Amino acid sequence: MTPARVHSASPFETRYGFCRALRIGDRVEVAGTAPIGDDGNTFPGDAHAQATRCFAIALRALAELGAGPEHVVRTRMYIVDPADADLVGRAHGEAFGAHPPVATMVVVKALLDPAWLVEIEVEARV
């Protein structure tokens, strides 16, 4: 099978040699998705706003590969401040509604850009 790939506005995709999402067969994987605006800059706001942006990017990539939120089986959320857990968790619930996937949230020391409060990975099966 030949993988199908999509890209986003992240300047890191070209710099680090990866794609936003890849589909091979029924499996769709979305790379760690940071809160980056369509202009390539960090999306402003609190952890909820940034997580909402991350989910929007990831779900758009899934849609380009024929998947929707109902196909998501796992998410991983990386946050830098445990106090942001409820804000990020609320954005997660809003993104998936009646189709909650299994999920992991991990507090990490830092993310690539100090302005990022959250980064999210998504896995789906179609």
PDB file of N, CA and C in Angstrom:
ATOM      1  N   MET A   1       0.822  -1.183   0.000  1.00  0.00           N
ATOM      2  CA  MET A   1       0.000   0.000   0.000  1.00  0.00           C
ATOM      3  C   MET A   1       0.865   1.245   0.000  1.00  0.00           C
ATOM      4  N   THR A   2       0.436   2.228  -0.741  1.00  0.00           N
ATOM      5  CA  THR A   2       1.136   3.503  -0.782  1.00  0.00           C
ATOM      6  C   THR A   2       0.508   4.447   0.230  1.00  0.00           C
ATOM      7  N   PRO A   3       1.300   5.014   1.119  1.00  0.00           N
ATOM      8  CA  PRO A   3       0.730   5.945   2.093  1.00  0.00           C
ATOM      9  C   PRO A   3       0.260   7.237   1.438  1.00  0.00           C
ATOM     10  N   ALA A   4      -0.805   7.808   1.977  1.00  0.00           N
ATOM     11  CA  ALA A   4      -1.272   9.143   1.587  1.00  0.00           C
ATOM     12  C   ALA A   4      -0.853  10.090   2.697  1.00  0.00           C
ATOM     13  N   ARG A   5      -0.335  11.258   2.335  1.00  0.00           N
ATOM     14  CA  ARG A   5       0.158  12.215   3.319  1.00  0.00           C
ATOM     15  C   ARG A   5      -0.505  13.568   3.132  1.00  0.00           C
ATOM     16  N   VAL A   6      -0.648  14.301   4.237  1.00  0.00           N
ATOM     17  CA  VAL A   6      -1.088  15.691   4.182  1.00  0.00           C
ATOM     18  C   VAL A   6      -0.120  16.529   5.004  1.00  0.00           C
ATOM     19  N   HIS A   7      -0.081  17.813   4.679  1.00  0.00           N
ATOM     20  CA  HIS A   7       0.800  18.765   5.367  1.00  0.00           C
ATOM     21  C   HIS A   7      -0.037  19.903   5.918  1.00  0.00           C
ATOM     22  N   SER A   8       0.555  20.648   6.839  1.00  0.00           N
ATOM     23  CA  SER A   8      -0.128  21.808   7.426  1.00  0.00           C
ATOM     24  C   SER A   8       0.796  23.020   7.340  1.00  0.00           C
ATOM     25  N   ALA A   9       0.419  24.077   8.027  1.00  0.00           N
ATOM     26  CA  ALA A   9       1.199  25.323   7.999  1.00  0.00           C
ATOM     27  C   ALA A   9       2.417  25.292   8.915  1.00  0.00           C
ATOM     28  N   SER A  10       2.635  24.212   9.620  1.00  0.00           N
ATOM     29  CA  SER A  10       3.751  24.155  10.555  1.00  0.00           C
ATOM     30  C   SER A  10       5.082  24.296   9.826  1.00  0.00           C
ATOM     31  N   PRO A  11       5.906  25.261  10.229  1.00  0.00           N
ATOM     32  CA  PRO A  11       7.219  25.408   9.605  1.00  0.00           C
ATOM     33  C   PRO A  11       8.156  24.253   9.949  1.00  0.00           C
ATOM     34  N   PHE A  12       7.797  23.478  10.975  1.00  0.00           N
ATOM     35  CA  PHE A  12       8.656  22.380  11.408  1.00  0.00           C
ATOM     36  C   PHE A  12       8.565  21.168  10.493  1.00  0.00           C
ATOM     37  N   GLU A  13       7.484  21.041   9.734  1.00  0.00           N
ATOM     38  CA  GLU A  13       7.344  19.891   8.839  1.00  0.00           C
ATOM     39  C   GLU A  13       8.477  19.854   7.811  1.00  0.00           C
ATOM     40  N   THR A  14       8.734  20.978   7.184  1.00  0.00           N
ATOM     41  CA  THR A  14       9.822  21.042   6.202  1.00  0.00           C
ATOM     42  C   THR A  14      11.171  20.981   6.894  1.00  0.00           C
ATOM     43  N   ARG A  15      11.303  21.746   7.965  1.00  0.00           N
ATOM     44  CA  ARG A  15      12.580  21.819   8.681  1.00  0.00           C
ATOM     45  C   ARG A  15      13.010  20.461   9.235  1.00  0.00           C
ATOM     46  N   TYR A  16      12.045  19.695   9.776  1.00  0.00           N
ATOM     47  CA  TYR A  16      12.376  18.428  10.422  1.00  0.00           C
ATOM     48  C   TYR A  16      12.005  17.193   9.605  1.00  0.00           C
ATOM     49  N   GLY A  17      11.415  17.394   8.436  1.00  0.00           N
ATOM     50  CA  GLY A  17      11.151  16.275   7.532  1.00  0.00           C
ATOM     51  C   GLY A  17      10.035  15.347   7.968  1.00  0.00           C
ATOM     52  N   PHE A  18       8.865  15.888   8.271  1.00  0.00           N
ATOM     53  CA  PHE A  18       7.723  15.031   8.584  1.00  0.00           C
ATOM     54  C   PHE A  18       6.461  15.615   7.962  1.00  0.00           C
ATOM     55  N   CYS A  19       5.407  14.817   7.933  1.00  0.00           N
ATOM     56  CA  CYS A  19       4.118  15.300   7.439  1.00  0.00           C
ATOM     57  C   CYS A  19       3.155  15.401   8.617  1.00  0.00           C
ATOM     58  N   ARG A  20       2.103  16.160   8.426  1.00  0.00           N
ATOM     59  CA  ARG A  20       1.105  16.330   9.493  1.00  0.00           C
ATOM     60  C   ARG A  20       0.399  15.025   9.787  1.00  0.00           C
ATOM     61  N   ALA A  21      -0.012  14.322   8.720  1.00  0.00           N
ATOM     62  CA  ALA A  21      -0.749  13.074   8.907  1.00  0.00           C
ATOM     63  C   ALA A  21      -0.448  12.128   7.759  1.00  0.00           C
ATOM     64  N   LEU A  22      -0.626  10.848   8.050  1.00  0.00           N
ATOM     65  CA  LEU A  22      -0.341   9.808   7.073  1.00  0.00           C
ATOM     66  C   LEU A  22      -1.410   8.730   7.193  1.00  0.00           C
ATOM     67  N   ARG A  23      -1.911   8.294   6.033  1.00  0.00           N
ATOM     68  CA  ARG A  23      -2.852   7.174   6.027  1.00  0.00           C
ATOM     69  C   ARG A  23      -2.255   6.044   5.227  1.00  0.00           C
ATOM     70  N   ILE A  24      -2.310   4.858   5.820  1.00  0.00           N
ATOM     71  CA  ILE A  24      -1.942   3.641   5.116  1.00  0.00           C
ATOM     72  C   ILE A  24      -2.987   2.589   5.492  1.00  0.00           C
ATOM     73  N   GLY A  25      -3.709   2.130   4.484  1.00  0.00           N
ATOM     74  CA  GLY A  25      -4.821   1.219   4.744  1.00  0.00           C
ATOM     75  C   GLY A  25      -5.889   1.908   5.568  1.00  0.00           C
ATOM     76  N   ASP A  26      -6.306   1.253   6.659  1.00  0.00           N
ATOM     77  CA  ASP A  26      -7.355   1.827   7.499  1.00  0.00           C
ATOM     78  C   ASP A  26      -6.797   2.655   8.654  1.00  0.00           C
ATOM     79  N   ARG A  27      -5.503   2.803   8.695  1.00  0.00           N
ATOM     80  CA  ARG A  27      -4.834   3.481   9.810  1.00  0.00           C
ATOM     81  C   ARG A  27      -4.456   4.911   9.421  1.00  0.00           C
ATOM     82  N   VAL A  28      -4.803   5.875  10.272  1.00  0.00           N
ATOM     83  CA  VAL A  28      -4.435   7.269  10.063  1.00  0.00           C
ATOM     84  C   VAL A  28      -3.730   7.762  11.320  1.00  0.00           C
ATOM     85  N   GLU A  29      -2.548   8.296  11.139  1.00  0.00           N
ATOM     86  CA  GLU A  29      -1.756   8.817  12.261  1.00  0.00           C
ATOM     87  C   GLU A  29      -1.534  10.307  12.042  1.00  0.00           C
ATOM     88  N   VAL A  30      -1.771  11.093  13.087  1.00  0.00           N
ATOM     89  CA  VAL A  30      -1.521  12.530  13.031  1.00  0.00           C
ATOM     90  C   VAL A  30      -0.350  12.825  13.953  1.00  0.00           C
ATOM     91  N   ALA A  31       0.659  13.488  13.408  1.00  0.00           N
ATOM     92  CA  ALA A  31       1.868  13.819  14.167  1.00  0.00           C
ATOM     93  C   ALA A  31       1.542  14.732  15.330  1.00  0.00           C
ATOM     94  N   GLY A  32       2.470  14.846  16.250  1.00  0.00           N
ATOM     95  CA  GLY A  32       2.326  15.802  17.336  1.00  0.00           C
ATOM     96  C   GLY A  32       1.942  17.154  16.758  1.00  0.00           C
ATOM     97  N   THR A  33       0.790  17.656  17.195  1.00  0.00           N
ATOM     98  CA  THR A  33       0.220  18.866  16.612  1.00  0.00           C
ATOM     99  C   THR A  33       0.260  19.983  17.636  1.00  0.00           C
ATOM    100  N   ALA A  34       0.990  21.018  17.290  1.00  0.00           N
ATOM    101  CA  ALA A  34       1.150  22.171  18.170  1.00  0.00           C
ATOM    102  C   ALA A  34       0.167  23.263  17.766  1.00  0.00           C
ATOM    103  N   PRO A  35      -0.041  24.248  18.621  1.00  0.00           N
ATOM    104  CA  PRO A  35      -0.976  25.332  18.324  1.00  0.00           C
ATOM    105  C   PRO A  35      -0.362  26.369  17.387  1.00  0.00           C
ATOM    106  N   ILE A  36      -0.336  26.029  16.120  1.00  0.00           N
ATOM    107  CA  ILE A  36       0.258  26.914  15.114  1.00  0.00           C
ATOM    108  C   ILE A  36      -0.851  27.452  14.216  1.00  0.00           C
ATOM    109  N   GLY A  37      -0.870  28.753  14.032  1.00  0.00           N
ATOM    110  CA  GLY A  37      -1.871  29.390  13.187  1.00  0.00           C
ATOM    111  C   GLY A  37      -1.592  29.144  11.718  1.00  0.00           C
ATOM    112  N   ASP A  38      -2.550  29.492  10.884  1.00  0.00           N
ATOM    113  CA  ASP A  38      -2.383  29.323   9.437  1.00  0.00           C
ATOM    114  C   ASP A  38      -1.236  30.164   8.898  1.00  0.00           C
ATOM    115  N   ASP A  39      -0.822  31.182   9.656  1.00  0.00           N
ATOM    116  CA  ASP A  39       0.303  32.025   9.251  1.00  0.00           C
ATOM    117  C   ASP A  39       1.651  31.436   9.672  1.00  0.00           C
ATOM    118  N   GLY A  40       1.632  30.272  10.335  1.00  0.00           N
ATOM    119  CA  GLY A  40       2.872  29.618  10.761  1.00  0.00           C
ATOM    120  C   GLY A  40       3.369  30.073  12.124  1.00  0.00           C
ATOM    121  N   ASN A  41       2.662  30.983  12.763  1.00  0.00           N
ATOM    122  CA  ASN A  41       3.058  31.471  14.082  1.00  0.00           C
ATOM    123  C   ASN A  41       2.260  30.777  15.177  1.00  0.00           C
ATOM    124  N   THR A  42       2.768  30.851  16.404  1.00  0.00           N
ATOM    125  CA  THR A  42       2.070  30.259  17.537  1.00  0.00           C
ATOM    126  C   THR A  42       0.697  30.897  17.703  1.00  0.00           C
ATOM    127  N   PHE A  43      -0.302  30.058  17.870  1.00  0.00           N
ATOM    128  CA  PHE A  43      -1.668  30.512  18.083  1.00  0.00           C
ATOM    129  C   PHE A  43      -1.772  31.082  19.493  1.00  0.00           C
ATOM    130  N   PRO A  44      -2.341  32.276  19.661  1.00  0.00           N
ATOM    131  CA  PRO A  44      -2.399  32.887  20.987  1.00  0.00           C
ATOM    132  C   PRO A  44      -3.497  32.285  21.853  1.00  0.00           C
ATOM    133  N   GLY A  45      -3.428  32.580  23.129  1.00  0.00           N
ATOM    134  CA  GLY A  45      -4.509  32.189  24.025  1.00  0.00           C
ATOM    135  C   GLY A  45      -4.069  31.253  25.118  1.00  0.00           C
ATOM    136  N   ASP A  46      -5.053  30.893  25.943  1.00  0.00           N
ATOM    137  CA  ASP A  46      -4.793  29.989  27.054  1.00  0.00           C
ATOM    138  C   ASP A  46      -4.733  28.544  26.542  1.00  0.00           C
ATOM    139  N   ALA A  47      -4.602  27.610  27.478  1.00  0.00           N
ATOM    140  CA  ALA A  47      -4.468  26.201  27.094  1.00  0.00           C
ATOM    141  C   ALA A  47      -5.702  25.680  26.368  1.00  0.00           C
ATOM    142  N   HIS A  48      -6.883  26.164  26.723  1.00  0.00           N
ATOM    143  CA  HIS A  48      -8.099  25.730  26.026  1.00  0.00           C
ATOM    144  C   HIS A  48      -8.076  26.196  24.578  1.00  0.00           C
ATOM    145  N   ALA A  49      -7.748  27.463  24.360  1.00  0.00           N
ATOM    146  CA  ALA A  49      -7.694  28.001  22.995  1.00  0.00           C
ATOM    147  C   ALA A  49      -6.636  27.276  22.171  1.00  0.00           C
ATOM    148  N   GLN A  50      -5.472  27.032  22.774  1.00  0.00           N
ATOM    149  CA  GLN A  50      -4.406  26.343  22.040  1.00  0.00           C
ATOM    150  C   GLN A  50      -4.787  24.895  21.750  1.00  0.00           C
ATOM    151  N   ALA A  51      -5.397  24.208  22.715  1.00  0.00           N
ATOM    152  CA  ALA A  51      -5.806  22.816  22.483  1.00  0.00           C
ATOM    153  C   ALA A  51      -6.885  22.755  21.401  1.00  0.00           C
ATOM    154  N   THR A  52      -7.824  23.694  21.440  1.00  0.00           N
ATOM    155  CA  THR A  52      -8.862  23.749  20.417  1.00  0.00           C
ATOM    156  C   THR A  52      -8.228  23.912  19.044  1.00  0.00           C
ATOM    157  N   ARG A  53      -7.208  24.753  18.949  1.00  0.00           N
ATOM    158  CA  ARG A  53      -6.491  24.936  17.682  1.00  0.00           C
ATOM    159  C   ARG A  53      -5.798  23.633  17.266  1.00  0.00           C
ATOM    160  N   CYS A  54      -5.148  22.963  18.195  1.00  0.00           N
ATOM    161  CA  CYS A  54      -4.481  21.692  17.882  1.00  0.00           C
ATOM    162  C   CYS A  54      -5.481  20.673  17.340  1.00  0.00           C
ATOM    163  N   PHE A  55      -6.624  20.555  18.000  1.00  0.00           N
ATOM    164  CA  PHE A  55      -7.634  19.601  17.527  1.00  0.00           C
ATOM    165  C   PHE A  55      -8.171  19.997  16.159  1.00  0.00           C
ATOM    166  N   ALA A  56      -8.345  21.281  15.909  1.00  0.00           N
ATOM    167  CA  ALA A  56      -8.820  21.730  14.592  1.00  0.00           C
ATOM    168  C   ALA A  56      -7.831  21.325  13.498  1.00  0.00           C
ATOM    169  N   ILE A  57      -6.547  21.507  13.755  1.00  0.00           N
ATOM    170  CA  ILE A  57      -5.516  21.120  12.776  1.00  0.00           C
ATOM    171  C   ILE A  57      -5.550  19.612  12.546  1.00  0.00           C
ATOM    172  N   ALA A  58      -5.585  18.853  13.633  1.00  0.00           N
ATOM    173  CA  ALA A  58      -5.568  17.390  13.533  1.00  0.00           C
ATOM    174  C   ALA A  58      -6.813  16.868  12.830  1.00  0.00           C
ATOM    175  N   LEU A  59      -7.987  17.411  13.184  1.00  0.00           N
ATOM    176  CA  LEU A  59      -9.221  16.937  12.561  1.00  0.00           C
ATOM    177  C   LEU A  59      -9.300  17.325  11.090  1.00  0.00           C
ATOM    178  N   ARG A  60      -8.741  18.469  10.734  1.00  0.00           N
ATOM    179  CA  ARG A  60      -8.690  18.864   9.319  1.00  0.00           C
ATOM    180  C   ARG A  60      -7.806  17.879   8.540  1.00  0.00           C
ATOM    181  N   ALA A  61      -6.675  17.493   9.123  1.00  0.00           N
ATOM    182  CA  ALA A  61      -5.787  16.525   8.466  1.00  0.00           C
ATOM    183  C   ALA A  61      -6.486  15.174   8.320  1.00  0.00           C
ATOM    184  N   LEU A  62      -7.188  14.748   9.367  1.00  0.00           N
ATOM    185  CA  LEU A  62      -7.935  13.494   9.280  1.00  0.00           C
ATOM    186  C   LEU A  62      -8.954  13.552   8.146  1.00  0.00           C
ATOM    187  N   ALA A  63      -9.684  14.663   8.060  1.00  0.00           N
ATOM    188  CA  ALA A  63     -10.714  14.804   7.023  1.00  0.00           C
ATOM    189  C   ALA A  63     -10.106  14.701   5.633  1.00  0.00           C
ATOM    190  N   GLU A  64      -8.929  15.267   5.445  1.00  0.00           N
ATOM    191  CA  GLU A  64      -8.266  15.183   4.138  1.00  0.00           C
ATOM    192  C   GLU A  64      -7.912  13.745   3.777  1.00  0.00           C
ATOM    193  N   LEU A  65      -7.842  12.894   4.791  1.00  0.00           N
ATOM    194  CA  LEU A  65      -7.497  11.489   4.561  1.00  0.00           C
ATOM    195  C   LEU A  65      -8.705  10.564   4.737  1.00  0.00           C
ATOM    196  N   GLY A  66      -9.905  11.150   4.756  1.00  0.00           N
ATOM    197  CA  GLY A  66     -11.124  10.348   4.787  1.00  0.00           C
ATOM    198  C   GLY A  66     -11.565   9.879   6.153  1.00  0.00           C
ATOM    199  N   ALA A  67     -11.111  10.533   7.199  1.00  0.00           N
ATOM    200  CA  ALA A  67     -11.488  10.136   8.556  1.00  0.00           C
ATOM    201  C   ALA A  67     -12.130  11.311   9.284  1.00  0.00           C
ATOM    202  N   GLY A  68     -12.915  11.001  10.292  1.00  0.00           N
ATOM    203  CA  GLY A  68     -13.549  12.032  11.102  1.00  0.00           C
ATOM    204  C   GLY A  68     -13.327  11.754  12.573  1.00  0.00           C
ATOM    205  N   PRO A  69     -13.860  12.598  13.439  1.00  0.00           N
ATOM    206  CA  PRO A  69     -13.667  12.400  14.876  1.00  0.00           C
ATOM    207  C   PRO A  69     -14.193  11.052  15.364  1.00  0.00           C
ATOM    208  N   GLU A  70     -15.202  10.538  14.687  1.00  0.00           N
ATOM    209  CA  GLU A  70     -15.757   9.241  15.085  1.00  0.00           C
ATOM    210  C   GLU A  70     -14.801   8.085  14.814  1.00  0.00           C
ATOM    211  N   HIS A  71     -13.757   8.311  14.016  1.00  0.00           N
ATOM    212  CA  HIS A  71     -12.774   7.273  13.707  1.00  0.00           C
ATOM    213  C   HIS A  71     -11.566   7.304  14.637  1.00  0.00           C
ATOM    214  N   VAL A  72     -11.468   8.325  15.464  1.00  0.00           N
ATOM    215  CA  VAL A  72     -10.308   8.468  16.345  1.00  0.00           C
ATOM    216  C   VAL A  72     -10.381   7.436  17.463  1.00  0.00           C
ATOM    217  N   VAL A  73      -9.289   6.692  17.627  1.00  0.00           N
ATOM    218  CA  VAL A  73      -9.240   5.654  18.650  1.00  0.00           C
ATOM    219  C   VAL A  73      -8.340   6.035  19.829  1.00  0.00           C
ATOM    220  N   ARG A  74      -7.406   6.975  19.623  1.00  0.00           N
ATOM    221  CA  ARG A  74      -6.501   7.352  20.709  1.00  0.00           C
ATOM    222  C   ARG A  74      -6.014   8.779  20.502  1.00  0.00           C
ATOM    223  N   THR A  75      -5.900   9.483  21.621  1.00  0.00           N
ATOM    224  CA  THR A  75      -5.242  10.786  21.613  1.00  0.00           C
ATOM    225  C   THR A  75      -4.194  10.802  22.719  1.00  0.00           C
ATOM    226  N   ARG A  76      -3.182  11.622  22.499  1.00  0.00           N
ATOM    227  CA  ARG A  76      -2.167  11.879  23.520  1.00  0.00           C
ATOM    228  C   ARG A  76      -2.008  13.387  23.618  1.00  0.00           C
ATOM    229  N   MET A  77      -2.153  13.889  24.825  1.00  0.00           N
ATOM    230  CA  MET A  77      -2.052  15.327  25.057  1.00  0.00           C
ATOM    231  C   MET A  77      -0.861  15.584  25.975  1.00  0.00           C
ATOM    232  N   TYR A  78       0.033  16.434  25.513  1.00  0.00           N
ATOM    233  CA  TYR A  78       1.213  16.797  26.288  1.00  0.00           C
ATOM    234  C   TYR A  78       1.020  18.234  26.759  1.00  0.00           C
ATOM    235  N   ILE A  79       1.063  18.438  28.066  1.00  0.00           N
ATOM    236  CA  ILE A  79       0.893  19.774  28.626  1.00  0.00           C
ATOM    237  C   ILE A  79       2.106  20.106  29.493  1.00  0.00           C
ATOM    238  N   VAL A  80       2.389  21.393  29.629  1.00  0.00           N
ATOM    239  CA  VAL A  80       3.554  21.802  30.432  1.00  0.00           C
ATOM    240  C   VAL A  80       3.171  22.234  31.843  1.00  0.00           C
ATOM    241  N   ASP A  81       1.888  22.441  32.098  1.00  0.00           N
ATOM    242  CA  ASP A  81       1.434  22.868  33.417  1.00  0.00           C
ATOM    243  C   ASP A  81       0.238  22.024  33.829  1.00  0.00           C
ATOM    244  N   PRO A  82       0.349  21.268  34.919  1.00  0.00           N
ATOM    245  CA  PRO A  82      -0.784  20.447  35.346  1.00  0.00           C
ATOM    246  C   PRO A  82      -2.061  21.255  35.603  1.00  0.00           C
ATOM    247  N   ALA A  83      -1.914  22.529  35.905  1.00  0.00           N
ATOM    248  CA  ALA A  83      -3.080  23.386  36.140  1.00  0.00           C
ATOM    249  C   ALA A  83      -3.920  23.554  34.873  1.00  0.00           C
ATOM    250  N   ASP A  84      -3.357  23.253  33.703  1.00  0.00           N
ATOM    251  CA  ASP A  84      -4.074  23.378  32.434  1.00  0.00           C
ATOM    252  C   ASP A  84      -4.849  22.120  32.056  1.00  0.00           C
ATOM    253  N   ALA A  85      -4.789  21.081  32.865  1.00  0.00           N
ATOM    254  CA  ALA A  85      -5.415  19.801  32.512  1.00  0.00           C
ATOM    255  C   ALA A  85      -6.905  19.950  32.217  1.00  0.00           C
ATOM    256  N   ASP A  86      -7.633  20.662  33.047  1.00  0.00           N
ATOM    257  CA  ASP A  86      -9.072  20.792  32.816  1.00  0.00           C
ATOM    258  C   ASP A  86      -9.375  21.589  31.549  1.00  0.00           C
ATOM    259  N   LEU A  87      -8.585  22.622  31.256  1.00  0.00           N
ATOM    260  CA  LEU A  87      -8.795  23.405  30.039  1.00  0.00           C
ATOM    261  C   LEU A  87      -8.572  22.549  28.794  1.00  0.00           C
ATOM    262  N   VAL A  88      -7.506  21.769  28.803  1.00  0.00           N
ATOM    263  CA  VAL A  88      -7.199  20.900  27.664  1.00  0.00           C
ATOM    264  C   VAL A  88      -8.218  19.767  27.582  1.00  0.00           C
ATOM    265  N   GLY A  89      -8.570  19.204  28.727  1.00  0.00           N
ATOM    266  CA  GLY A  89      -9.577  18.146  28.754  1.00  0.00           C
ATOM    267  C   GLY A  89     -10.926  18.621  28.225  1.00  0.00           C
ATOM    268  N   ARG A  90     -11.299  19.853  28.540  1.00  0.00           N
ATOM    269  CA  ARG A  90     -12.559  20.409  28.036  1.00  0.00           C
ATOM    270  C   ARG A  90     -12.515  20.529  26.514  1.00  0.00           C
ATOM    271  N   ALA A  91     -11.385  20.989  25.972  1.00  0.00           N
ATOM    272  CA  ALA A  91     -11.240  21.085  24.513  1.00  0.00           C
ATOM    273  C   ALA A  91     -11.326  19.694  23.881  1.00  0.00           C
ATOM    274  N   HIS A  92     -10.772  18.692  24.537  1.00  0.00           N
ATOM    275  CA  HIS A  92     -10.836  17.314  24.052  1.00  0.00           C
ATOM    276  C   HIS A  92     -12.283  16.859  23.966  1.00  0.00           C
ATOM    277  N   GLY A  93     -13.041  17.093  25.031  1.00  0.00           N
ATOM    278  CA  GLY A  93     -14.445  16.710  25.041  1.00  0.00           C
ATOM    279  C   GLY A  93     -15.246  17.423  23.961  1.00  0.00           C
ATOM    280  N   GLU A  94     -14.944  18.688  23.730  1.00  0.00           N
ATOM    281  CA  GLU A  94     -15.622  19.450  22.689  1.00  0.00           C
ATOM    282  C   GLU A  94     -15.282  18.919  21.301  1.00  0.00           C
ATOM    283  N   ALA A  95     -14.057  18.475  21.113  1.00  0.00           N
ATOM    284  CA  ALA A  95     -13.627  17.980  19.800  1.00  0.00           C
ATOM    285  C   ALA A  95     -14.275  16.641  19.449  1.00  0.00           C
ATOM    286  N   PHE A  96     -14.500  15.793  20.453  1.00  0.00           N
ATOM    287  CA  PHE A  96     -14.948  14.431  20.163  1.00  0.00           C
ATOM    288  C   PHE A  96     -16.384  14.134  20.570  1.00  0.00           C
ATOM    289  N   GLY A  97     -16.982  14.958  21.404  1.00  0.00           N
ATOM    290  CA  GLY A  97     -18.392  14.827  21.746  1.00  0.00           C
ATOM    291  C   GLY A  97     -18.828  13.410  22.054  1.00  0.00           C
ATOM    292  N   ALA A  98     -19.744  12.883  21.235  1.00  0.00           N
ATOM    293  CA  ALA A  98     -20.327  11.553  21.453  1.00  0.00           C
ATOM    294  C   ALA A  98     -19.395  10.417  21.044  1.00  0.00           C
ATOM    295  N   HIS A  99     -18.186  10.741  20.555  1.00  0.00           N
ATOM    296  CA  HIS A  99     -17.257   9.708  20.075  1.00  0.00           C
ATOM    297  C   HIS A  99     -15.938   9.778  20.845  1.00  0.00           C
ATOM    298  N   PRO A 100     -15.955   9.640  22.168  1.00  0.00           N
ATOM    299  CA  PRO A 100     -14.713   9.793  22.920  1.00  0.00           C
ATOM    300  C   PRO A 100     -13.735   8.638  22.666  1.00  0.00           C
ATOM    301  N   PRO A 101     -12.507   8.978  22.287  1.00  0.00           N
ATOM    302  CA  PRO A 101     -11.481   7.942  22.125  1.00  0.00           C
ATOM    303  C   PRO A 101     -10.799   7.671  23.466  1.00  0.00           C
ATOM    304  N   VAL A 102      -9.955   6.662  23.502  1.00  0.00           N
ATOM    305  CA  VAL A 102      -9.094   6.517  24.667  1.00  0.00           C
ATOM    306  C   VAL A 102      -8.102   7.673  24.626  1.00  0.00           C
ATOM    307  N   ALA A 103      -7.651   8.107  25.786  1.00  0.00           N
ATOM    308  CA  ALA A 103      -6.813   9.297  25.819  1.00  0.00           C
ATOM    309  C   ALA A 103      -5.786   9.218  26.938  1.00  0.00           C
ATOM    310  N   THR A 104      -4.674   9.874  26.705  1.00  0.00           N
ATOM    311  CA  THR A 104      -3.630  10.016  27.699  1.00  0.00           C
ATOM    312  C   THR A 104      -3.244  11.484  27.750  1.00  0.00           C
ATOM    313  N   MET A 105      -3.058  12.000  28.962  1.00  0.00           N
ATOM    314  CA  MET A 105      -2.555  13.362  29.136  1.00  0.00           C
ATOM    315  C   MET A 105      -1.314  13.263  30.015  1.00  0.00           C
ATOM    316  N   VAL A 106      -0.237  13.854  29.528  1.00  0.00           N
ATOM    317  CA  VAL A 106       1.050  13.767  30.213  1.00  0.00           C
ATOM    318  C   VAL A 106       1.595  15.170  30.441  1.00  0.00           C
ATOM    319  N   VAL A 107       2.104  15.410  31.634  1.00  0.00           N
ATOM    320  CA  VAL A 107       2.780  16.670  31.920  1.00  0.00           C
ATOM    321  C   VAL A 107       4.249  16.498  31.572  1.00  0.00           C
ATOM    322  N   VAL A 108       4.763  17.395  30.741  1.00  0.00           N
ATOM    323  CA  VAL A 108       6.156  17.351  30.315  1.00  0.00           C
ATOM    324  C   VAL A 108       6.880  18.613  30.781  1.00  0.00           C
ATOM    325  N   LYS A 109       8.169  18.549  30.818  1.00  0.00           N
ATOM    326  CA  LYS A 109       8.966  19.687  31.278  1.00  0.00           C
ATOM    327  C   LYS A 109       8.835  20.886  30.340  1.00  0.00           C
ATOM    328  N   ALA A 110       8.836  20.621  29.048  1.00  0.00           N
ATOM    329  CA  ALA A 110       8.765  21.700  28.058  1.00  0.00           C
ATOM    330  C   ALA A 110       8.357  21.126  26.712  1.00  0.00           C
ATOM    331  N   LEU A 111       7.871  22.031  25.845  1.00  0.00           N
ATOM    332  CA  LEU A 111       7.613  21.696  24.453  1.00  0.00           C
ATOM    333  C   LEU A 111       8.596  22.497  23.601  1.00  0.00           C
ATOM    334  N   LEU A 112       8.632  22.234  22.328  1.00  0.00           N
ATOM    335  CA  LEU A 112       9.635  22.829  21.445  1.00  0.00           C
ATOM    336  C   LEU A 112       9.657  24.358  21.505  1.00  0.00           C
ATOM    337  N   ASP A 113       8.485  24.975  21.532  1.00  0.00           N
ATOM    338  CA  ASP A 113       8.376  26.434  21.619  1.00  0.00           C
ATOM    339  C   ASP A 113       7.841  26.769  23.014  1.00  0.00           C
ATOM    340  N   PRO A 114       8.502  27.637  23.756  1.00  0.00           N
ATOM    341  CA  PRO A 114       8.044  27.955  25.113  1.00  0.00           C
ATOM    342  C   PRO A 114       6.636  28.567  25.165  1.00  0.00           C
ATOM    343  N   ALA A 115       6.139  29.089  24.053  1.00  0.00           N
ATOM    344  CA  ALA A 115       4.783  29.663  24.023  1.00  0.00           C
ATOM    345  C   ALA A 115       3.706  28.586  23.894  1.00  0.00           C
ATOM    346  N   TRP A 116       4.098  27.364  23.537  1.00  0.00           N
ATOM    347  CA  TRP A 116       3.123  26.282  23.418  1.00  0.00           C
ATOM    348  C   TRP A 116       2.779  25.753  24.798  1.00  0.00           C
ATOM    349  N   LEU A 117       1.508  25.653  25.087  1.00  0.00           N
ATOM    350  CA  LEU A 117       1.035  25.103  26.350  1.00  0.00           C
ATOM    351  C   LEU A 117       0.609  23.653  26.211  1.00  0.00           C
ATOM    352  N   VAL A 118       0.424  23.206  24.960  1.00  0.00           N
ATOM    353  CA  VAL A 118      -0.090  21.870  24.689  1.00  0.00           C
ATOM    354  C   VAL A 118       0.370  21.398  23.308  1.00  0.00           C
ATOM    355  N   GLU A 119       0.528  20.116  23.160  1.00  0.00           N
ATOM    356  CA  GLU A 119       0.766  19.469  21.865  1.00  0.00           C
ATOM    357  C   GLU A 119      -0.008  18.170  21.887  1.00  0.00           C
ATOM    358  N   ILE A 120      -0.611  17.796  20.747  1.00  0.00           N
ATOM    359  CA  ILE A 120      -1.539  16.672  20.714  1.00  0.00           C
ATOM    360  C   ILE A 120      -1.248  15.729  19.554  1.00  0.00           C
ATOM    361  N   GLU A 121      -1.310  14.419  19.822  1.00  0.00           N
ATOM    362  CA  GLU A 121      -1.208  13.375  18.798  1.00  0.00           C
ATOM    363  C   GLU A 121      -2.568  12.684  18.678  1.00  0.00           C
ATOM    364  N   VAL A 122      -2.886  12.226  17.466  1.00  0.00           N
ATOM    365  CA  VAL A 122      -4.174  11.565  17.228  1.00  0.00           C
ATOM    366  C   VAL A 122      -3.943  10.321  16.365  1.00  0.00           C
ATOM    367  N   GLU A 123      -4.624   9.238  16.712  1.00  0.00           N
ATOM    368  CA  GLU A 123      -4.618   8.014  15.908  1.00  0.00           C
ATOM    369  C   GLU A 123      -6.055   7.666  15.553  1.00  0.00           C
ATOM    370  N   ALA A 124      -6.279   7.247  14.312  1.00  0.00           N
ATOM    371  CA  ALA A 124      -7.629   6.869  13.877  1.00  0.00           C
ATOM    372  C   ALA A 124      -7.587   5.583  13.067  1.00  0.00           C
ATOM    373  N   ARG A 125      -8.725   4.896  13.031  1.00  0.00           N
ATOM    374  CA  ARG A 125      -8.931   3.735  12.182  1.00  0.00           C
ATOM    375  C   ARG A 125     -10.213   3.966  11.396  1.00  0.00           C
ATOM    376  N   VAL A 126     -10.142   3.808  10.094  1.00  0.00           N
ATOM    377  CA  VAL A 126     -11.304   4.044   9.227  1.00  0.00           C
ATOM    378  C   VAL A 126     -11.882   2.714   8.781  1.00  0.00           C
TER     379      VAL A 126
END
